[in-house]
């Protein structure tokens, strides 16, 4: 499962996920990435459940947040509920701001601050966009992301 969001204004995105493993030798891979502008807020609450019979499960859950405003807020609550003993399940969440040195580097090369920030957001989202096999869909998503940064 893959997700991208650009939250702006006072938008609030509530993301709830469930990865349920009920049989042996199953796998799942979840990656949600959010870029937050203005006073936007995201809540990610994800749960991986592994039933007792689901031995050899391999599951991953990741939530990454890029803060583009000091007033934005990202809350991440990844969770595991494991009832089997031979599994590989991992989860993680990160939240960070745009690196000032990266902005300085781009701006020192004549890139306006708004364009520099957009480039950094696309770099952040590229991990998800690269996993989309359909080129037309990938291009459409890039256009939708660009539209979120237009005045």
Protein backbone atom coordinates (compact mmCIF):
# COMPACT_ATOMS: atom_id res chain seq x y z
CA UNK A 1 0.00 0.00 0.00
CA UNK A 2 1.33 3.38 -1.01
CA UNK A 3 0.01 6.84 -0.24
CA UNK A 4 1.05 10.44 -0.81
CA UNK A 5 -0.59 13.55 0.53
CA UNK A 6 0.04 17.28 0.42
CA UNK A 7 -2.00 18.80 3.23
CA UNK A 8 -2.45 22.58 3.27
CA UNK A 9 -4.47 25.31 4.93
CA UNK A 10 -6.35 23.79 7.84
CA UNK A 11 -6.86 20.39 6.20
CA UNK A 12 -6.71 17.35 8.44
CA UNK A 13 -6.00 13.90 7.00
CA UNK A 14 -6.83 10.93 9.21
CA UNK A 15 -5.11 7.82 7.84
CA UNK A 16 -6.08 4.46 9.38
CA UNK A 17 -4.57 1.22 8.09
CA UNK A 18 -4.81 -2.46 8.93
CA UNK A 19 -2.46 -5.16 7.65
CA UNK A 20 -3.95 -8.46 8.77
CA UNK A 21 -1.95 -11.66 8.30
CA UNK A 22 -3.99 -14.82 8.85
CA UNK A 23 -2.02 -17.41 6.88
CA UNK A 24 1.65 -18.47 6.85
CA UNK A 25 4.22 -17.13 4.40
CA UNK A 26 2.44 -13.84 3.73
CA UNK A 27 3.84 -10.37 3.34
CA UNK A 28 2.77 -6.75 3.24
CA UNK A 29 4.54 -3.47 2.65
CA UNK A 30 3.00 -0.10 3.50
CA UNK A 31 4.53 3.34 2.94
CA UNK A 32 2.60 6.59 3.55
CA UNK A 33 4.31 9.92 2.93
CA UNK A 34 2.84 13.31 3.84
CA UNK A 35 4.01 16.86 3.12
CA UNK A 36 2.34 19.43 5.40
CA UNK A 37 1.95 23.14 4.70
CA UNK A 38 0.37 25.98 6.69
CA UNK A 39 -1.65 24.68 9.68
CA UNK A 40 -2.42 21.29 8.17
CA UNK A 41 -2.53 18.19 10.31
CA UNK A 42 -2.16 14.46 9.66
CA UNK A 43 -2.90 11.52 11.88
CA UNK A 44 -1.53 8.13 10.90
CA UNK A 45 -2.69 5.12 12.89
CA UNK A 46 -1.57 1.81 11.43
CA UNK A 47 -1.74 -1.69 12.78
CA UNK A 48 -0.11 -4.94 11.68
CA UNK A 49 -1.86 -8.01 13.11
CA UNK A 50 -0.25 -11.44 12.79
CA UNK A 51 -2.47 -14.38 13.78
CA UNK A 52 -0.97 -17.43 15.58
CA UNK A 53 -1.02 -19.54 12.39
CA UNK A 54 0.66 -16.85 10.27
CA UNK A 55 4.24 -18.06 10.76
CA UNK A 56 6.89 -16.68 8.37
CA UNK A 57 4.98 -13.40 7.89
CA UNK A 58 7.07 -10.51 6.57
CA UNK A 59 5.41 -7.13 7.11
CA UNK A 60 6.56 -3.51 7.02
CA UNK A 61 4.76 -0.29 7.87
CA UNK A 62 6.26 3.17 7.37
CA UNK A 63 4.95 6.70 7.80
CA UNK A 64 7.14 9.67 6.80
CA UNK A 65 6.17 13.31 7.30
CA UNK A 66 7.81 16.40 5.80
CA UNK A 67 6.90 19.56 7.69
CA UNK A 68 6.83 22.65 5.47
CA UNK A 69 5.52 24.95 8.19
CA UNK A 70 6.17 25.41 11.90
CA UNK A 71 2.39 25.45 12.42
CA UNK A 72 1.74 22.06 10.78
CA UNK A 73 1.31 18.94 12.90
CA UNK A 74 1.89 15.24 12.16
CA UNK A 75 0.92 12.47 14.55
CA UNK A 76 2.05 8.91 13.91
CA UNK A 77 0.89 5.82 15.78
CA UNK A 78 2.31 2.70 14.10
CA UNK A 79 1.49 -0.56 15.86
CA UNK A 80 2.17 -4.27 15.93
CA UNK A 81 0.02 -7.07 17.35
CA UNK A 82 1.96 -10.30 16.87
CA UNK A 83 0.65 -13.71 17.97
CA UNK A 84 3.20 -15.87 16.09
CA UNK A 85 6.85 -16.45 16.94
CA UNK A 86 8.54 -16.85 13.54
CA UNK A 87 7.87 -13.53 11.81
CA UNK A 88 9.65 -10.42 10.58
CA UNK A 89 7.55 -7.34 11.26
CA UNK A 90 8.86 -3.78 11.41
CA UNK A 91 7.33 -0.36 11.65
CA UNK A 92 8.56 3.18 11.88
CA UNK A 93 7.62 6.81 11.60
CA UNK A 94 9.64 9.96 10.99
CA UNK A 95 8.78 13.64 11.01
CA UNK A 96 11.16 16.38 9.97
CA UNK A 97 11.47 19.82 8.45
CA UNK A 98 13.09 20.80 5.17
CA UNK A 99 16.82 21.05 5.75
CA UNK A 100 17.97 24.69 5.75
CA UNK A 101 21.26 23.73 4.06
CA UNK A 102 19.40 22.03 1.21
CA UNK A 103 17.27 25.16 0.73
CA UNK A 104 20.38 27.37 0.83
CA UNK A 105 22.12 25.18 -1.75
CA UNK A 106 19.19 25.39 -4.19
CA UNK A 107 18.60 29.11 -3.61
CA UNK A 108 22.33 29.88 -4.07
CA UNK A 109 21.97 28.42 -7.57
CA UNK A 110 19.22 30.89 -8.43
CA UNK A 111 16.22 28.70 -7.68
CA UNK A 112 13.41 30.72 -6.04
CA UNK A 113 12.45 29.52 -2.52
CA UNK A 114 9.01 28.25 -3.58
CA UNK A 115 10.51 26.22 -6.45
CA UNK A 116 13.30 24.92 -4.20
CA UNK A 117 10.76 23.72 -1.64
CA UNK A 118 8.74 22.02 -4.39
CA UNK A 119 11.88 20.24 -5.66
CA UNK A 120 12.61 18.95 -2.16
CA UNK A 121 9.03 17.71 -1.81
CA UNK A 122 9.31 15.82 -5.10
CA UNK A 123 12.57 14.29 -3.88
CA UNK A 124 10.80 13.23 -0.69
CA UNK A 125 7.89 11.69 -2.64
CA UNK A 126 10.06 10.00 -5.29
CA UNK A 127 10.38 6.79 -3.25
CA UNK A 128 6.62 6.28 -3.61
CA UNK A 129 6.27 7.63 -7.14
CA UNK A 130 9.03 5.31 -8.42
CA UNK A 131 7.03 2.28 -7.25
CA UNK A 132 4.07 3.13 -9.48
CA UNK A 133 4.43 1.03 -12.62
CA UNK A 134 1.85 2.89 -14.71
CA UNK A 135 3.70 5.86 -16.25
CA UNK A 136 0.51 7.78 -17.06
CA UNK A 137 -0.64 7.50 -13.44
CA UNK A 138 2.79 8.56 -12.18
CA UNK A 139 2.73 11.66 -14.45
CA UNK A 140 -0.81 12.51 -13.37
CA UNK A 141 0.18 12.31 -9.70
CA UNK A 142 3.14 14.61 -10.32
CA UNK A 143 0.79 17.16 -11.89
CA UNK A 144 -1.58 16.94 -8.93
CA UNK A 145 1.31 17.53 -6.53
CA UNK A 146 2.53 20.51 -8.56
CA UNK A 147 -0.98 21.99 -8.45
CA UNK A 148 -0.86 22.02 -4.64
CA UNK A 149 2.05 24.47 -4.79
CA UNK A 150 0.55 26.93 -7.27
CA UNK A 151 -0.65 30.24 -5.80
